Amino acid sequence: MKKFFLFLSLFGALLEASQIEWHKDYTSAYEASVQKEQILLVFVTTDDCKFCKKLKNETFLSPEIIERISQSYQSVEVNEQRDTYPKALGAKRFPTIYFLTPEEEIIDYTLGYYNVEDFGYILNAAEYRYKKMKPFYKE
């Protein structure tokens, strides 16, 4: 019986690590971004967006993408139709993904669906731009 519970514990830990940890709302993601000095990834979606669903069900389930986002980002999924987030971001097409500094400055944004390889390049670009911007925020 102990082996069974050990197996369940390990399996649960693997499942938890096998998906992106999305914050429940923009405010908690923003606060974590500030506290950990990490990029804030804001995934703006709608209920009827087929490419939003494709991004979630394909790209965001890739172990490579999960690991990258888990290590370097605070992430939140917001629904344009019902969630509160800074409307100044101005998403008009979906999906839109914003990359923000902990000071809520836009590092970059992207529209539409990307496969794993292409999304990896987008993450690289956001991280590179953030590193270039970061010294200005530390003075």
Protein backbone atom coordinates (compact mmCIF):
# COMPACT_ATOMS: atom_id res chain seq x y z
CA MET A 1 0.00 0.00 0.00
CA LYS A 2 2.87 2.38 0.79
CA LYS A 3 4.32 1.74 -2.67
CA PHE A 4 0.99 2.65 -4.22
CA PHE A 5 0.87 6.02 -2.40
CA LEU A 6 4.50 6.67 -3.30
CA PHE A 7 3.65 5.97 -6.94
CA LEU A 8 0.68 8.35 -6.78
CA SER A 9 2.84 11.07 -5.24
CA LEU A 10 5.51 10.71 -7.90
CA PHE A 11 2.94 10.55 -10.67
CA GLY A 12 1.28 13.71 -9.35
CA ALA A 13 4.61 15.52 -9.27
CA LEU A 14 5.29 14.49 -12.87
CA LEU A 15 1.87 15.70 -13.96
CA GLU A 16 2.38 19.02 -12.25
CA ALA A 17 5.71 19.50 -14.02
CA SER A 18 4.19 18.49 -17.34
CA GLN A 19 2.11 21.62 -17.75
CA ILE A 20 2.53 25.35 -17.55
CA GLU A 21 1.57 26.80 -14.20
CA TRP A 22 -0.91 29.50 -15.15
CA HIS A 23 -1.75 32.09 -12.53
CA LYS A 24 -5.45 32.45 -11.80
CA ASP A 25 -5.53 36.15 -12.63
CA TYR A 26 -3.43 38.99 -14.02
CA THR A 27 -2.80 40.55 -10.60
CA SER A 28 -1.28 37.42 -9.04
CA ALA A 29 0.90 36.86 -12.13
CA TYR A 30 2.04 40.47 -12.06
CA GLU A 31 2.88 40.31 -8.34
CA ALA A 32 4.88 37.10 -8.84
CA SER A 33 6.69 38.72 -11.77
CA VAL A 34 7.71 41.64 -9.57
CA GLN A 35 8.74 39.41 -6.66
CA LYS A 36 10.82 37.03 -8.80
CA GLU A 37 12.00 39.64 -11.33
CA GLN A 38 10.77 37.50 -14.21
CA ILE A 39 9.08 38.25 -17.49
CA LEU A 40 5.29 38.32 -17.35
CA LEU A 41 3.75 36.27 -20.18
CA VAL A 42 0.14 37.31 -20.83
CA PHE A 43 -1.77 34.94 -23.12
CA VAL A 44 -4.91 36.76 -24.30
CA THR A 45 -7.60 34.49 -25.70
CA THR A 46 -11.33 34.27 -26.37
CA ASP A 47 -13.87 31.48 -26.00
CA ASP A 48 -14.21 30.81 -29.72
CA CYS A 49 -10.57 31.19 -30.81
CA LYS A 50 -9.48 27.99 -32.57
CA PHE A 51 -5.81 29.02 -32.76
CA CYS A 52 -5.80 29.81 -29.03
CA LYS A 53 -6.94 26.24 -28.39
CA LYS A 54 -4.36 24.88 -30.81
CA LEU A 55 -1.59 26.82 -29.08
CA LYS A 56 -2.72 25.51 -25.67
CA ASN A 57 -3.17 21.91 -26.86
CA GLU A 58 0.02 21.64 -28.90
CA THR A 59 2.75 24.22 -28.30
CA PHE A 60 2.04 24.81 -24.61
CA LEU A 61 2.11 21.05 -23.93
CA SER A 62 5.64 20.64 -25.28
CA PRO A 63 8.09 19.66 -22.51
CA GLU A 64 10.63 22.14 -23.93
CA ILE A 65 8.18 25.06 -23.80
CA ILE A 66 6.84 24.05 -20.38
CA GLU A 67 10.36 23.98 -18.96
CA ARG A 68 11.33 27.34 -20.48
CA ILE A 69 8.20 29.11 -19.29
CA SER A 70 8.38 27.50 -15.84
CA GLN A 71 11.98 28.62 -15.33
CA SER A 72 11.92 32.16 -16.68
CA TYR A 73 8.36 33.48 -16.76
CA GLN A 74 5.27 34.16 -14.73
CA SER A 75 2.34 33.30 -16.96
CA VAL A 76 -1.33 34.09 -17.04
CA GLU A 77 -4.09 33.27 -19.48
CA VAL A 78 -6.73 35.97 -19.70
CA ASN A 79 -9.98 35.77 -21.60
CA GLU A 80 -10.73 39.00 -23.46
CA GLN A 81 -14.45 38.55 -22.87
CA ARG A 82 -14.50 38.02 -19.11
CA ASP A 83 -11.15 38.59 -17.36
CA THR A 84 -9.61 41.75 -15.98
CA TYR A 85 -6.24 42.79 -17.35
CA PRO A 86 -4.73 46.08 -18.53
CA LYS A 87 -6.81 47.01 -21.57
CA ALA A 88 -3.94 49.31 -22.56
CA LEU A 89 -2.33 46.17 -23.93
CA GLY A 90 -4.93 46.49 -26.68
CA ALA A 91 -5.38 42.93 -27.93
CA LYS A 92 -7.60 43.00 -30.99
CA ARG A 93 -6.73 39.65 -32.61
CA PHE A 94 -6.37 36.34 -30.86
CA PRO A 95 -4.34 34.72 -29.61
CA THR A 96 -2.11 37.60 -28.58
CA ILE A 97 0.81 36.96 -26.28
CA TYR A 98 2.44 39.89 -24.47
CA PHE A 99 5.81 39.76 -22.78
CA LEU A 100 6.06 42.39 -20.04
CA THR A 101 8.78 43.50 -17.65
CA PRO A 102 7.97 43.40 -13.93
CA GLU A 103 7.37 47.15 -14.36
CA GLU A 104 4.64 46.33 -16.93
CA GLU A 105 6.58 47.70 -19.88
CA ILE A 106 5.96 45.78 -23.11
CA ILE A 107 9.04 43.84 -24.14
CA ASP A 108 7.36 42.32 -27.17
CA TYR A 109 4.11 40.77 -28.32
CA THR A 110 3.07 38.26 -30.92
CA LEU A 111 -0.15 37.30 -32.66
CA GLY A 112 -1.40 33.91 -33.75
CA TYR A 113 -0.37 30.28 -33.51
CA TYR A 114 3.25 29.10 -33.48
CA ASN A 115 4.64 25.60 -33.42
CA VAL A 116 7.14 24.56 -30.73
CA GLU A 117 10.26 25.48 -32.69
CA ASP A 118 8.98 28.91 -33.71
CA PHE A 119 7.65 29.67 -30.24
CA GLY A 120 11.09 28.79 -28.86
CA TYR A 121 12.54 31.54 -31.06
CA ILE A 122 9.92 33.97 -29.77
CA LEU A 123 10.89 33.14 -26.18
CA ASN A 124 14.57 33.65 -27.09
CA ALA A 125 13.79 37.09 -28.52
CA ALA A 126 11.74 38.14 -25.48
CA GLU A 127 14.49 37.03 -23.09
CA TYR A 128 17.17 38.81 -25.13
CA ARG A 129 15.17 42.06 -25.23
CA TYR A 130 14.43 41.85 -21.51
CA LYS A 131 18.13 41.44 -20.68
CA LYS A 132 18.87 44.51 -22.82
CA MET A 133 16.15 46.52 -21.04
CA LYS A 134 16.84 45.30 -17.50
CA PRO A 135 19.83 47.55 -16.67
CA PHE A 136 17.61 50.61 -17.19
CA TYR A 137 15.21 49.45 -14.50
CA LYS A 138 17.87 48.75 -11.90
CA GLU A 139 19.25 52.30 -11.60
